[in-house]
């Protein structure tokens, strides 16, 4: 039996953060009922590429909606509202990502539901949460990445701000919602009472900015974009070999010495420019030139073996297609 077997989840979410959270609950055994509006349904159903018979299914939609049952309801009709009310009467968890206040107008806000079903855990996912001056704004991942400062530290030093290759704020919010729901269920086990779990994409991504915020607080200056370099560690970056690029993570002095020994440059740790991590960060350009000069003798496959034998964390920079063929996957 899976750990959440016996729990009933009503999933009134669309696109990514909410569906991802509900899918995780379903994967762990909960009975998840996804509710969509008639006709078009979840916005993500319309986003390609499409797969299956007659290309009827969005690959994007399928990626975050497994482990669920499904139905459509028009909540603006008395009949649709009645069915949702019946489902919530027997549910353990209700997940919604409507604009704050929208469900209150339909009679399905937290206060109304808590009065009717005090044991119901009610999870709300939105761009900016239920409080504060931005609470009325619709939250989309690229907007939140931009507004949070996340994009400002993503990209190369000489290029523009860049959003991450996946919808990072949505996935973070979905994971926080998953954890928040489990915490609320744990509390309900003790008290018999449900509560509202209030998750914001904005809050979720801000929680990951501890290092850049630490730099800002310590120096009074915001961190700059550094591409694949690390602001505080070197060598901890992508480096070029004979036929490709590898990522090296020599995160301490011991690993730095092991790296140098592995590539036949035991002299580098004694170089005054590279003795301490602070020295290496300060002289990063010269450091990279020295290492890549040695790496030029190796193809990527050979270099990864050399680094593994030396005990230095190293990985090829792969395409997604290459990564999913790895034996670890």
Protein backbone atom coordinates (compact mmCIF):
# COMPACT_ATOMS: atom_id res chain seq x y z
CA UNK A 1 0.00 0.00 0.00
CA UNK A 2 1.32 3.43 -0.93
CA UNK A 3 1.67 5.94 1.94
CA UNK A 4 -1.21 8.24 0.91
CA UNK A 5 -3.69 5.49 -0.01
CA UNK A 6 -7.14 6.31 1.33
CA UNK A 7 -6.81 10.08 0.94
CA UNK A 8 -9.08 11.89 -1.50
CA UNK A 9 -7.78 14.99 -3.28
CA UNK A 10 -9.88 17.42 -5.30
CA UNK A 11 -7.56 19.10 -7.81
CA UNK A 12 -9.01 22.36 -9.15
CA UNK A 13 -5.73 23.57 -10.67
CA UNK A 14 -4.35 24.13 -14.11
CA UNK A 15 -1.09 24.56 -16.01
CA UNK A 16 1.86 23.49 -13.81
CA UNK A 17 2.42 24.23 -10.09
CA UNK A 18 -0.94 22.86 -8.88
CA UNK A 19 -1.13 19.92 -11.28
CA UNK A 20 2.46 18.95 -10.39
CA UNK A 21 1.65 19.01 -6.67
CA UNK A 22 -1.52 16.96 -7.15
CA UNK A 23 0.35 14.48 -9.35
CA UNK A 24 2.92 13.89 -6.60
CA UNK A 25 0.11 13.17 -4.15
CA UNK A 26 -1.43 10.76 -6.67
CA UNK A 27 1.91 9.04 -7.23
CA UNK A 28 2.00 8.35 -3.49
CA UNK A 29 -1.39 6.63 -3.56
CA UNK A 30 -3.95 9.41 -3.02
CA UNK A 31 -7.13 9.35 -5.10
CA UNK A 32 -6.82 12.58 -7.11
CA UNK A 33 -9.82 13.92 -9.01
CA UNK A 34 -8.83 16.62 -11.48
CA UNK A 35 -11.60 19.08 -12.34
CA UNK A 36 -11.47 21.15 -15.52
CA UNK A 37 -13.83 23.59 -17.17
CA UNK A 38 -15.86 22.17 -20.08
CA UNK A 39 -14.67 22.33 -23.70
CA UNK A 40 -11.04 23.51 -23.56
CA UNK A 41 -10.14 22.34 -20.06
CA UNK A 42 -6.69 22.95 -18.58
CA UNK A 43 -4.79 25.58 -20.60
CA UNK A 44 -1.88 23.16 -20.91
CA UNK A 45 -3.95 20.81 -23.09
CA UNK A 46 -3.48 23.32 -25.90
CA UNK A 47 0.31 23.50 -25.68
CA UNK A 48 2.36 21.36 -28.07
CA UNK A 49 4.04 19.21 -29.01
CA UNK A 50 1.14 16.78 -29.32
CA UNK A 51 1.23 12.99 -29.14
CA UNK A 52 -1.08 9.98 -29.34
CA UNK A 53 -3.83 9.08 -31.79
CA UNK A 54 -4.63 12.10 -34.00
CA UNK A 55 -2.11 14.10 -31.94
CA UNK A 56 -4.86 14.65 -29.40
CA UNK A 57 -2.73 14.87 -26.26
CA UNK A 58 -0.32 17.59 -25.16
CA UNK A 59 3.00 16.12 -24.03
CA UNK A 60 3.26 19.05 -21.59
CA UNK A 61 -0.13 18.28 -20.07
CA UNK A 62 0.61 14.56 -19.73
CA UNK A 63 3.91 15.31 -17.98
CA UNK A 64 2.19 16.73 -14.87
CA UNK A 65 -1.19 14.97 -14.81
CA UNK A 66 -0.59 11.26 -14.36
CA UNK A 67 -2.07 9.36 -11.40
CA UNK A 68 -5.41 11.20 -11.56
CA UNK A 69 -9.04 10.72 -12.43
CA UNK A 70 -10.76 13.48 -14.36
CA UNK A 71 -14.04 15.26 -14.98
CA UNK A 72 -15.30 18.63 -16.22
CA UNK A 73 -17.57 20.99 -14.29
CA UNK A 74 -18.98 24.43 -15.02
CA UNK A 75 -18.76 25.97 -11.56
CA UNK A 76 -20.85 28.97 -12.65
CA UNK A 77 -23.90 26.74 -12.98
CA UNK A 78 -25.87 25.48 -9.95
CA UNK A 79 -25.42 21.89 -11.12
CA UNK A 80 -21.64 22.19 -11.44
CA UNK A 81 -21.32 23.91 -8.08
CA UNK A 82 -23.47 21.22 -6.47
CA UNK A 83 -21.20 18.43 -7.77
CA UNK A 84 -18.07 20.20 -6.51
CA UNK A 85 -19.73 20.66 -3.13
CA UNK A 86 -20.51 16.94 -2.97
CA UNK A 87 -16.92 16.04 -3.84
CA UNK A 88 -15.51 18.38 -1.19
CA UNK A 89 -17.83 16.96 1.45
CA UNK A 90 -15.87 13.70 1.34
CA UNK A 91 -12.42 15.06 0.40
CA UNK A 92 -9.33 15.30 2.56
CA UNK A 93 -7.54 17.94 0.50
CA UNK A 94 -8.68 20.67 -1.90
CA UNK A 95 -6.04 22.26 -4.15
CA UNK A 96 -6.85 25.39 -6.17
CA UNK A 97 -4.87 27.99 -8.08
CA UNK A 98 -7.56 30.50 -8.94
CA UNK A 99 -6.89 34.21 -8.69
CA UNK A 100 -7.27 35.16 -4.99
CA UNK A 101 -10.90 35.95 -4.21
CA UNK A 102 -12.37 34.19 -7.26
CA UNK A 103 -13.56 31.09 -5.42
CA UNK A 104 -14.93 33.20 -2.56
CA UNK A 105 -17.38 34.71 -5.03
CA UNK A 106 -18.51 31.20 -6.02
CA UNK A 107 -18.93 30.11 -2.41
CA UNK A 108 -15.86 27.88 -2.33
CA UNK A 109 -13.38 30.11 -0.52
CA UNK A 110 -11.43 28.86 2.49
CA UNK A 111 -13.63 30.43 5.17
CA UNK A 112 -16.81 28.96 3.69
CA UNK A 113 -15.26 25.54 3.20
CA UNK A 114 -13.66 25.46 6.64
CA UNK A 115 -17.03 26.25 8.23
CA UNK A 116 -18.69 23.40 6.33
CA UNK A 117 -15.83 20.90 6.39
CA UNK A 118 -13.46 21.74 9.27
CA UNK A 119 -11.21 18.75 8.58
CA UNK A 120 -10.56 19.74 4.96
CA UNK A 121 -7.01 20.81 4.11
CA UNK A 122 -7.35 23.71 1.67
CA UNK A 123 -4.27 24.50 -0.44
CA UNK A 124 -4.14 27.74 -2.43
CA UNK A 125 -1.37 28.31 -4.99
CA UNK A 126 -0.97 31.74 -6.57
CA UNK A 127 1.63 34.13 -7.92
CA UNK A 128 2.01 36.28 -4.81
CA UNK A 129 -0.02 34.63 -2.07
CA UNK A 130 -3.12 35.71 -0.15
CA UNK A 131 -1.57 38.78 1.50
CA UNK A 132 0.36 41.84 0.42
CA UNK A 133 0.00 44.49 -2.29
CA UNK A 134 0.58 42.06 -5.17
CA UNK A 135 -1.95 39.44 -4.09
CA UNK A 136 -4.40 40.43 -6.87
CA UNK A 137 -1.87 39.81 -9.67
CA UNK A 138 -1.88 36.68 -11.81
CA UNK A 139 1.35 34.74 -11.41
CA UNK A 140 3.17 33.25 -14.38
CA UNK A 141 6.62 31.72 -14.06
CA UNK A 142 8.59 34.10 -16.34
CA UNK A 143 7.04 37.15 -14.68
CA UNK A 144 7.91 35.85 -11.22
CA UNK A 145 11.43 34.92 -12.33
CA UNK A 146 11.85 38.50 -13.56
CA UNK A 147 10.26 40.23 -10.56
CA UNK A 148 12.06 38.14 -7.95
CA UNK A 149 15.59 38.95 -9.13
CA UNK A 150 16.14 35.34 -10.19
CA UNK A 151 16.68 36.33 -13.85
CA UNK A 152 19.14 39.05 -12.88
CA UNK A 153 21.63 36.45 -11.67
CA UNK A 154 21.00 33.99 -14.51
CA UNK A 155 22.94 34.25 -17.78
CA UNK A 156 26.42 35.22 -18.90
CA UNK A 157 28.27 38.25 -17.57
CA UNK A 158 28.13 40.03 -20.93
CA UNK A 159 24.59 38.97 -21.83
CA UNK A 160 21.05 39.88 -20.83
CA UNK A 161 19.12 38.37 -17.89
CA UNK A 162 17.86 34.89 -18.77
CA UNK A 163 15.07 32.76 -17.33
CA UNK A 164 15.85 29.16 -16.44
CA UNK A 165 15.25 26.43 -18.99
CA UNK A 166 12.33 25.05 -16.98
CA UNK A 167 9.52 26.83 -15.12
CA UNK A 168 11.49 26.84 -11.89
CA UNK A 169 9.04 28.89 -9.82
CA UNK A 170 6.15 26.57 -10.70
CA UNK A 171 8.03 23.42 -9.74
CA UNK A 172 9.29 24.99 -6.51
CA UNK A 173 5.77 26.11 -5.59
CA UNK A 174 4.42 22.64 -6.40
CA UNK A 175 7.00 21.03 -4.14
CA UNK A 176 6.32 23.49 -1.31
CA UNK A 177 2.58 22.86 -1.72
CA UNK A 178 3.20 19.10 -1.55
CA UNK A 179 5.18 19.53 1.67
CA UNK A 180 2.69 22.02 3.12
CA UNK A 181 -0.22 19.67 2.50
CA UNK A 182 1.60 16.81 4.21
CA UNK A 183 2.34 19.07 7.19
CA UNK A 184 -1.30 20.14 7.38
CA UNK A 185 -2.42 16.51 7.26
CA UNK A 186 0.04 15.67 10.03
CA UNK A 187 -1.41 18.50 12.12
CA UNK A 188 -4.94 17.27 11.35
CA UNK A 189 -3.99 13.86 12.72
CA UNK A 190 -3.42 15.55 16.09
CA UNK A 191 -6.16 18.20 16.09
CA UNK A 192 -8.84 16.94 13.71
CA UNK A 193 -8.78 20.36 12.04
CA UNK A 194 -7.80 21.27 8.50
CA UNK A 195 -6.14 24.55 7.62
CA UNK A 196 -5.24 26.68 4.62
CA UNK A 197 -1.87 26.13 2.98
CA UNK A 198 -0.95 29.40 1.25
CA UNK A 199 1.73 28.94 -1.43
CA UNK A 200 3.13 31.70 -3.65
CA UNK A 201 5.41 31.30 -6.66
CA UNK A 202 7.13 34.55 -5.63
CA UNK A 203 7.83 33.32 -2.09
CA UNK A 204 9.00 29.96 -3.38
CA UNK A 205 11.71 31.34 -5.65
CA UNK A 206 12.78 33.96 -3.10
CA UNK A 207 13.50 31.13 -0.66
CA UNK A 208 16.23 29.85 -3.01
CA UNK A 209 18.10 33.18 -3.19
CA UNK A 210 19.94 32.83 0.11
CA UNK A 211 23.42 33.00 -1.46
CA UNK A 212 22.86 36.09 -3.66
CA UNK A 213 21.00 37.80 -0.81
CA UNK A 214 23.90 36.95 1.49
CA UNK A 215 26.30 38.57 -0.97
CA UNK A 216 24.09 41.66 -1.10
CA UNK A 217 23.88 41.90 2.69
CA UNK A 218 27.59 41.31 3.17
CA UNK A 219 28.89 43.68 0.51
CA UNK A 220 26.07 46.12 -0.18
CA UNK A 221 26.29 45.16 -3.84
CA UNK A 222 24.04 42.79 -5.75
CA UNK A 223 25.70 39.72 -7.29
CA UNK A 224 26.42 39.84 -10.99
CA UNK A 225 25.62 37.27 -13.64
CA UNK A 226 28.47 34.79 -13.95
CA UNK A 227 27.26 32.21 -16.44
CA UNK A 228 28.53 28.80 -15.34
CA UNK A 229 31.06 30.18 -12.86
CA UNK A 230 30.42 30.15 -9.12
CA UNK A 231 30.56 33.41 -7.22
CA UNK A 232 32.41 31.96 -4.23
CA UNK A 233 34.27 28.82 -5.41
CA UNK A 234 36.86 28.03 -8.09
CA UNK A 235 37.32 25.86 -10.04
CA UNK A 236 33.58 25.19 -9.92
CA UNK A 237 32.52 25.77 -13.53
CA UNK A 238 32.42 24.47 -17.08
CA UNK A 239 35.81 23.94 -18.67
CA UNK A 240 36.77 22.97 -22.20
CA UNK A 241 38.51 19.70 -23.07
CA UNK A 242 39.77 18.57 -26.50
CA UNK A 243 36.35 17.71 -27.94
CA UNK A 244 33.74 19.17 -25.60
CA UNK A 245 32.89 20.71 -22.26
CA UNK A 246 32.85 19.30 -18.73
CA UNK A 247 31.60 20.65 -15.42
CA UNK A 248 34.13 20.56 -12.62
CA UNK A 249 33.20 21.00 -8.94
CA UNK A 250 36.43 21.24 -6.93
CA UNK A 251 34.66 22.66 -3.90
CA UNK A 252 37.55 22.57 -1.43
CA UNK A 253 41.32 22.60 -1.18
CA UNK A 254 41.62 18.82 -1.09
CA UNK A 255 39.69 18.39 -4.33
CA UNK A 256 41.70 21.18 -5.94
CA UNK A 257 44.96 19.34 -5.18
CA UNK A 258 43.50 16.05 -6.42
CA UNK A 259 42.44 17.69 -9.67
CA UNK A 260 45.93 19.09 -10.24
CA UNK A 261 47.58 15.75 -9.48
CA UNK A 262 45.17 13.95 -11.80
CA UNK A 263 46.07 16.10 -14.82
CA UNK A 264 49.81 16.14 -14.11
CA UNK A 265 50.00 19.69 -12.75
CA UNK A 266 51.00 19.22 -9.08
CA UNK A 267 52.72 22.61 -9.28
CA UNK A 268 49.48 24.61 -9.51
CA UNK A 269 48.45 24.37 -5.83
CA UNK A 270 51.77 26.02 -4.90
CA UNK A 271 51.28 28.88 -7.35
CA UNK A 272 50.66 32.03 -5.24
CA UNK A 273 47.74 32.92 -7.50
CA UNK A 274 45.91 29.69 -6.65
CA UNK A 275 46.89 28.71 -3.08
CA UNK A 276 43.56 29.44 -1.39
CA UNK A 277 40.03 29.40 -2.67
CA UNK A 278 39.93 33.19 -2.32
CA UNK A 279 43.05 33.39 -4.48
CA UNK A 280 41.51 31.13 -7.10
CA UNK A 281 38.28 33.13 -7.22
CA UNK A 282 40.23 36.39 -7.51
CA UNK A 283 42.41 34.97 -10.31
CA UNK A 284 39.71 32.95 -12.03
CA UNK A 285 40.68 33.93 -15.59
CA UNK A 286 44.28 32.81 -15.16
CA UNK A 287 43.12 29.69 -13.33
CA UNK A 288 40.80 28.71 -16.17
CA UNK A 289 43.58 29.20 -18.72
CA UNK A 290 45.94 26.92 -16.80
CA UNK A 291 43.36 24.16 -16.33
CA UNK A 292 42.03 24.26 -19.88
CA UNK A 293 45.60 24.15 -21.15
CA UNK A 294 46.01 20.82 -19.37
CA UNK A 295 42.53 19.60 -20.31
CA UNK A 296 43.32 20.14 -24.01
CA UNK A 297 45.26 16.87 -23.97
CA UNK A 298 42.13 14.88 -23.09
CA UNK A 299 38.91 14.10 -24.88
CA UNK A 300 35.83 14.34 -22.67
CA UNK A 301 35.40 10.60 -22.21
CA UNK A 302 39.00 10.16 -21.08
CA UNK A 303 38.93 13.25 -18.87
CA UNK A 304 35.87 12.10 -16.95
CA UNK A 305 37.62 8.80 -16.23
CA UNK A 306 40.75 10.64 -15.09
CA UNK A 307 38.72 12.87 -12.79
CA UNK A 308 36.80 9.91 -11.36
CA UNK A 309 40.08 8.16 -10.55
CA UNK A 310 41.33 11.37 -8.94
CA UNK A 311 38.14 11.62 -6.88
CA UNK A 312 37.11 14.95 -8.39
CA UNK A 313 33.41 15.61 -9.15
CA UNK A 314 33.16 15.96 -12.93
CA UNK A 315 30.40 15.57 -15.48
CA UNK A 316 29.89 15.88 -19.22
CA UNK A 317 27.65 18.70 -20.39
CA UNK A 318 24.99 16.62 -22.10
CA UNK A 319 21.89 17.23 -24.13
CA UNK A 320 18.58 16.08 -22.62
CA UNK A 321 18.46 13.29 -25.20
CA UNK A 322 21.89 12.08 -24.08
CA UNK A 323 21.06 12.37 -20.40
CA UNK A 324 17.97 10.15 -20.49
CA UNK A 325 20.00 7.34 -22.08
CA UNK A 326 22.37 7.21 -19.10
CA UNK A 327 22.45 3.89 -17.27
CA UNK A 328 21.66 5.71 -14.02
CA UNK A 329 18.30 6.77 -15.50
